[in-house]
Amino acid sequence: MERQLPTLEIEGTTFLVDVEQMVLVYQDDPDTKIRFAEMDNEDTHYSLEYDIVHKDIAGIHTRTRDLRLIDIPRMTELDPEGMATKYNVPLNGISEKMDYEVMVENPEIAMRMQGKLNRIEIEGHPFYVDFRMWSLRPHNDFSTQGISMEPLHENEEYEYFPEDTIFLYQPKKHELFEPDWTRITELPKDTVIIKFPMLKDMDAVGYAHRFNLPLKQVLLETNFKAVTQATQRQLTQTNLPELFKENKERLAQQKAQVTKDPKKKTRKI
């Protein structure tokens, strides 16, 4: 039986407290959610500027008269049972602790902080998420340096929807494949299409250390998992068929143009 979530009232509006996703959910409109990561973490509580009309964090369109400064209790106070279950820690005394204290008591997070690397499964093969080496290193395969994090990081930095980006992966080599996107006309042999989680979701601890960010904030932005998974995408789930078609047509036109208008030989005088 699914556990009933506790509630919190903000300015007369009821929100469900979902510590699993670390959000407050507007009870009358579940699509409206306030993430704890969007609030100011004061350790003893959270604070936010609240829009009483839109039932959400205040934005640029919030009128001054509709804005309220609100303090939100810690998640350990709002739902101690949910926090104990999520982070696999004892329930006793949890409501007296700060959220970050409970997070780092989680056995998996504690082991990661002690140096044990997280893993990601890619097409059934485990890779170590190694921010120090800036790579995803395949387990028991020393013939390759694995997958550099650089293209994944660049994608997150410069793409508008980085979570939708796909990569070509060669399982036999445990490497990414970067084609000439202007000439590729079909999916290469022994190549699959995959999508990666965001880097901070692969390893919040390593991510925070790499980019000199407060770990307590990164842990609020992610649901820590010691093992994550890259997901395979079918060709029909991508825009690659359209790209292949466009490349074939353009390359055929270029070939026909060369055949039709060969370079004229210059007569020597």
Protein backbone atom coordinates (compact mmCIF):
# COMPACT_ATOMS: atom_id res chain seq x y z
CA MET A 1 0.00 0.00 0.00
CA GLU A 2 1.38 3.39 -1.01
CA ARG A 3 2.18 5.64 1.91
CA GLN A 4 0.12 8.81 2.20
CA LEU A 5 2.36 11.85 1.86
CA PRO A 6 2.33 14.49 4.60
CA THR A 7 1.11 17.98 3.75
CA LEU A 8 2.26 21.54 4.31
CA GLU A 9 0.07 24.63 4.15
CA ILE A 10 1.55 27.77 2.58
CA GLU A 11 -0.58 30.91 2.69
CA GLY A 12 -3.79 28.85 2.77
CA THR A 13 -2.70 26.47 -0.02
CA THR A 14 -2.04 22.78 0.65
CA PHE A 15 1.11 21.13 -0.73
CA LEU A 16 2.12 17.48 -0.58
CA VAL A 17 5.62 16.89 0.80
CA ASP A 18 7.45 14.49 -1.54
CA VAL A 19 10.92 13.95 -0.05
CA GLU A 20 11.67 11.16 -2.54
CA GLN A 21 11.67 13.75 -5.34
CA MET A 22 12.53 16.62 -2.95
CA VAL A 23 9.57 18.75 -4.03
CA LEU A 24 6.41 20.33 -2.68
CA VAL A 25 3.47 19.40 -4.91
CA TYR A 26 0.43 21.66 -5.16
CA GLN A 27 -2.37 19.33 -4.10
CA ASP A 28 -4.97 20.76 -6.50
CA ASP A 29 -2.56 20.86 -9.46
CA PRO A 30 0.18 18.18 -9.29
CA ASP A 31 1.97 19.74 -12.27
CA THR A 32 2.87 22.70 -10.05
CA LYS A 33 5.91 21.76 -7.98
CA ILE A 34 8.38 23.69 -5.87
CA ARG A 35 11.81 22.06 -5.68
CA PHE A 36 13.76 22.32 -2.44
CA ALA A 37 16.83 22.95 -4.62
CA GLU A 38 15.18 26.21 -5.78
CA MET A 39 14.81 27.47 -2.22
CA ASP A 40 17.51 29.09 -0.10
CA ASN A 41 18.94 26.42 2.18
CA GLU A 42 19.43 28.01 5.60
CA ASP A 43 20.36 24.62 7.16
CA THR A 44 17.82 24.99 9.99
CA HIS A 45 15.09 25.67 7.42
CA TYR A 46 14.50 26.76 3.83
CA SER A 47 13.29 30.15 2.65
CA LEU A 48 11.69 31.36 -0.56
CA GLU A 49 9.83 34.22 -2.18
CA TYR A 50 6.34 32.86 -2.82
CA ASP A 51 3.75 34.00 -5.36
CA ILE A 52 0.33 33.69 -3.70
CA VAL A 53 -1.48 33.89 -7.06
CA HIS A 54 0.47 31.29 -9.04
CA LYS A 55 1.13 29.09 -5.96
CA ASP A 56 4.79 28.88 -6.92
CA ILE A 57 8.20 30.46 -6.36
CA ALA A 58 8.04 34.12 -7.30
CA GLY A 59 9.29 35.01 -10.77
CA ILE A 60 9.92 38.10 -12.84
CA HIS A 61 6.19 38.49 -13.50
CA THR A 62 5.19 38.32 -9.83
CA ARG A 63 3.57 41.52 -8.64
CA THR A 64 4.99 43.00 -5.44
CA ARG A 65 1.63 42.80 -3.69
CA ASP A 66 1.44 39.06 -4.48
CA LEU A 67 4.85 38.23 -3.02
CA ARG A 68 5.38 36.66 0.40
CA LEU A 69 8.63 35.70 2.17
CA ILE A 70 8.11 32.17 3.47
CA ASP A 71 10.15 29.88 5.74
CA ILE A 72 9.83 26.16 5.05
CA PRO A 73 10.76 23.55 7.69
CA ARG A 74 13.47 20.99 7.00
CA MET A 75 12.46 17.80 5.21
CA THR A 76 13.50 15.90 8.34
CA GLU A 77 10.75 17.80 10.19
CA LEU A 78 8.16 17.63 7.42
CA ASP A 79 8.54 13.90 6.78
CA PRO A 80 10.99 12.12 9.10
CA GLU A 81 9.72 8.69 8.05
CA GLY A 82 10.18 9.45 4.37
CA MET A 83 13.71 10.77 4.92
CA ALA A 84 14.68 7.74 7.01
CA THR A 85 13.44 5.41 4.29
CA LYS A 86 15.01 7.34 1.43
CA TYR A 87 18.47 7.59 2.97
CA ASN A 88 18.39 4.25 4.79
CA VAL A 89 19.08 5.72 8.22
CA PRO A 90 17.42 5.16 11.63
CA LEU A 91 14.18 7.04 12.23
CA ASN A 92 14.97 7.75 15.87
CA GLY A 93 16.11 11.35 16.33
CA ILE A 94 16.04 12.17 12.63
CA SER A 95 13.67 15.12 13.02
CA GLU A 96 16.32 16.92 15.09
CA LYS A 97 18.92 16.69 12.32
CA MET A 98 19.55 18.95 9.36
CA ASP A 99 18.72 17.49 5.96
CA TYR A 100 22.37 17.43 4.88
CA GLU A 101 23.37 15.52 8.03
CA VAL A 102 20.92 12.77 7.13
CA MET A 103 21.99 12.69 3.49
CA VAL A 104 25.67 12.07 4.28
CA GLU A 105 24.73 9.33 6.76
CA ASN A 106 23.32 7.34 3.84
CA PRO A 107 25.63 4.29 3.47
CA GLU A 108 26.11 4.74 -0.29
CA ILE A 109 26.87 8.46 -0.01
CA ALA A 110 29.19 7.80 2.95
CA MET A 111 31.13 5.17 0.96
CA ARG A 112 31.40 7.53 -2.00
CA MET A 113 32.79 10.27 0.25
CA GLN A 114 35.35 7.75 1.51
CA GLY A 115 36.56 7.18 -2.04
CA LYS A 116 34.47 4.38 -3.54
CA LEU A 117 33.60 5.30 -7.13
CA ASN A 118 30.06 5.27 -8.47
CA ARG A 119 29.26 3.13 -11.52
CA ILE A 120 27.17 3.49 -14.64
CA GLU A 121 25.87 0.54 -16.65
CA ILE A 122 26.27 1.01 -20.41
CA GLU A 123 24.77 -1.77 -22.52
CA GLY A 124 25.21 -4.24 -19.68
CA HIS A 125 28.84 -3.35 -18.96
CA PRO A 126 29.86 -1.49 -15.77
CA PHE A 127 31.90 1.71 -16.05
CA TYR A 128 33.48 3.63 -13.18
CA VAL A 129 32.44 7.27 -12.95
CA ASP A 130 35.86 8.83 -12.40
CA PHE A 131 35.81 12.63 -12.19
CA ARG A 132 39.49 12.74 -11.25
CA MET A 133 40.38 11.02 -14.54
CA TRP A 134 37.51 12.92 -16.26
CA SER A 135 36.25 9.70 -17.82
CA LEU A 136 33.90 6.75 -17.60
CA ARG A 137 36.30 3.81 -17.26
CA PRO A 138 35.13 0.34 -18.34
CA HIS A 139 35.49 -2.35 -15.70
CA ASN A 140 38.19 -4.95 -16.51
CA ASP A 141 39.07 -3.41 -19.89
CA PHE A 142 42.49 -1.78 -19.98
CA SER A 143 42.68 -1.63 -23.78
CA THR A 144 40.84 1.68 -23.83
CA GLN A 145 40.72 4.85 -21.76
CA GLY A 146 36.96 4.59 -21.89
CA ILE A 147 34.61 7.49 -22.49
CA SER A 148 35.82 11.02 -21.91
CA MET A 149 33.44 13.18 -19.90
CA GLU A 150 34.32 16.18 -22.06
CA PRO A 151 31.65 15.70 -24.77
CA LEU A 152 29.06 14.98 -22.07
CA HIS A 153 30.04 18.13 -20.20
CA GLU A 154 30.07 20.26 -23.37
CA ASN A 155 26.60 18.96 -24.19
CA GLU A 156 25.32 20.00 -20.75
CA GLU A 157 26.95 23.42 -21.05
CA TYR A 158 25.90 24.40 -24.57
CA GLU A 159 22.81 22.42 -25.58
CA TYR A 160 19.39 23.88 -24.80
CA PHE A 161 17.93 20.46 -23.95
CA PRO A 162 21.03 18.44 -22.92
CA GLU A 163 18.92 15.66 -21.41
CA ASP A 164 17.65 14.80 -24.91
CA THR A 165 21.07 14.48 -26.55
CA ILE A 166 22.01 11.07 -27.96
CA PHE A 167 25.43 9.53 -28.52
CA LEU A 168 26.66 6.71 -30.75
CA TYR A 169 28.31 3.92 -28.77
CA GLN A 170 30.32 0.86 -29.82
CA PRO A 171 29.81 -1.88 -27.19
CA LYS A 172 32.65 -4.08 -28.43
CA LYS A 173 35.16 -1.26 -28.00
CA HIS A 174 33.53 0.35 -24.95
CA GLU A 175 33.90 3.71 -26.69
CA LEU A 176 31.80 6.47 -28.20
CA PHE A 177 31.80 6.85 -31.97
CA GLU A 178 31.90 10.35 -33.44
CA PRO A 179 30.98 10.27 -37.15
CA ASP A 180 31.10 12.98 -39.77
CA TRP A 181 27.53 14.15 -39.23
CA THR A 182 27.49 15.79 -42.68
CA ARG A 183 28.18 12.48 -44.46
CA ILE A 184 26.74 9.69 -42.33
CA THR A 185 23.85 7.93 -44.14
CA GLU A 186 23.17 4.95 -41.89
CA LEU A 187 23.86 3.64 -38.42
CA PRO A 188 27.32 2.04 -38.51
CA LYS A 189 27.71 -1.66 -37.81
CA ASP A 190 28.17 -2.66 -34.15
CA THR A 191 26.96 0.76 -33.04
CA VAL A 192 24.00 1.59 -30.80
CA ILE A 193 22.32 4.84 -29.79
CA ILE A 194 22.42 5.74 -26.10
CA LYS A 195 21.47 8.58 -23.79
CA PHE A 196 23.41 9.38 -20.63
CA PRO A 197 22.15 10.72 -17.31
CA MET A 198 23.43 14.17 -16.39
CA LEU A 199 26.94 14.10 -14.92
CA LYS A 200 25.80 15.26 -11.48
CA ASP A 201 23.23 12.45 -11.45
CA MET A 202 26.00 9.92 -12.13
CA ASP A 203 27.98 11.13 -9.12
CA ALA A 204 26.91 14.15 -7.08
CA VAL A 205 29.98 13.93 -4.83
CA GLY A 206 32.50 13.84 -7.68
CA TYR A 207 30.62 16.55 -9.55
CA ALA A 208 30.61 18.89 -6.55
CA HIS A 209 34.34 18.35 -6.00
CA ARG A 210 35.21 18.80 -9.68
CA PHE A 211 33.37 22.10 -10.03
CA ASN A 212 33.96 23.38 -6.48
CA LEU A 213 30.26 23.42 -5.60
CA PRO A 214 28.64 22.97 -2.16
CA LEU A 215 27.85 19.27 -1.82
CA LYS A 216 24.70 19.99 0.20
CA GLN A 217 23.30 21.93 -2.76
CA VAL A 218 24.21 19.29 -5.36
CA LEU A 219 22.64 16.56 -3.21
CA LEU A 220 19.44 18.63 -3.14
CA GLU A 221 19.48 18.81 -6.94
CA THR A 222 19.93 15.07 -7.46
CA ASN A 223 18.64 11.76 -6.19
CA PHE A 224 21.92 10.07 -5.33
CA LYS A 225 22.41 6.60 -6.76
CA ALA A 226 25.63 4.61 -6.53
CA VAL A 227 24.75 2.90 -9.81
CA THR A 228 23.06 4.67 -12.72
CA GLN A 229 22.30 3.50 -16.24
CA ALA A 230 22.66 4.79 -19.77
CA THR A 231 19.52 4.05 -21.78
CA GLN A 232 19.42 2.76 -25.33
CA ARG A 233 17.34 4.58 -27.93
CA GLN A 234 15.85 2.98 -31.01
CA LEU A 235 16.61 4.63 -34.33
CA THR A 236 12.94 5.56 -34.76
CA GLN A 237 13.05 7.44 -31.43
CA THR A 238 15.60 9.90 -32.82
CA ASN A 239 15.92 12.39 -35.67
CA LEU A 240 18.69 10.31 -37.27
CA PRO A 241 16.50 8.81 -40.05
CA GLU A 242 15.74 12.36 -41.22
CA LEU A 243 19.43 13.27 -41.06
CA PHE A 244 20.41 10.12 -43.01
CA LYS A 245 17.84 10.96 -45.69
CA GLU A 246 19.02 14.57 -46.00
CA ASN A 247 22.67 13.49 -46.25
CA LYS A 248 21.88 10.86 -48.91
CA GLU A 249 19.98 13.37 -51.04
CA ARG A 250 22.65 16.06 -50.72
CA LEU A 251 25.55 13.68 -51.41
CA ALA A 252 23.69 12.24 -54.43
CA GLN A 253 23.16 15.77 -55.78
CA GLN A 254 26.82 16.59 -55.31
CA LYS A 255 27.86 13.38 -57.09
CA ALA A 256 25.46 14.07 -59.97
CA GLN A 257 26.79 17.61 -60.30
CA VAL A 258 30.36 16.36 -60.52
CA THR A 259 29.36 13.81 -63.18
CA LYS A 260 27.41 16.40 -65.17
CA ASP A 261 30.03 19.14 -65.04
CA PRO A 262 33.46 17.50 -64.99
CA LYS A 263 36.43 19.82 -64.93
CA LYS A 264 37.51 20.77 -68.45
CA LYS A 265 41.04 19.86 -69.37
CA THR A 266 43.22 22.87 -70.13
CA ARG A 267 44.98 22.76 -73.52
CA LYS A 268 48.67 23.40 -73.24
CA ILE A 269 50.07 25.97 -75.70
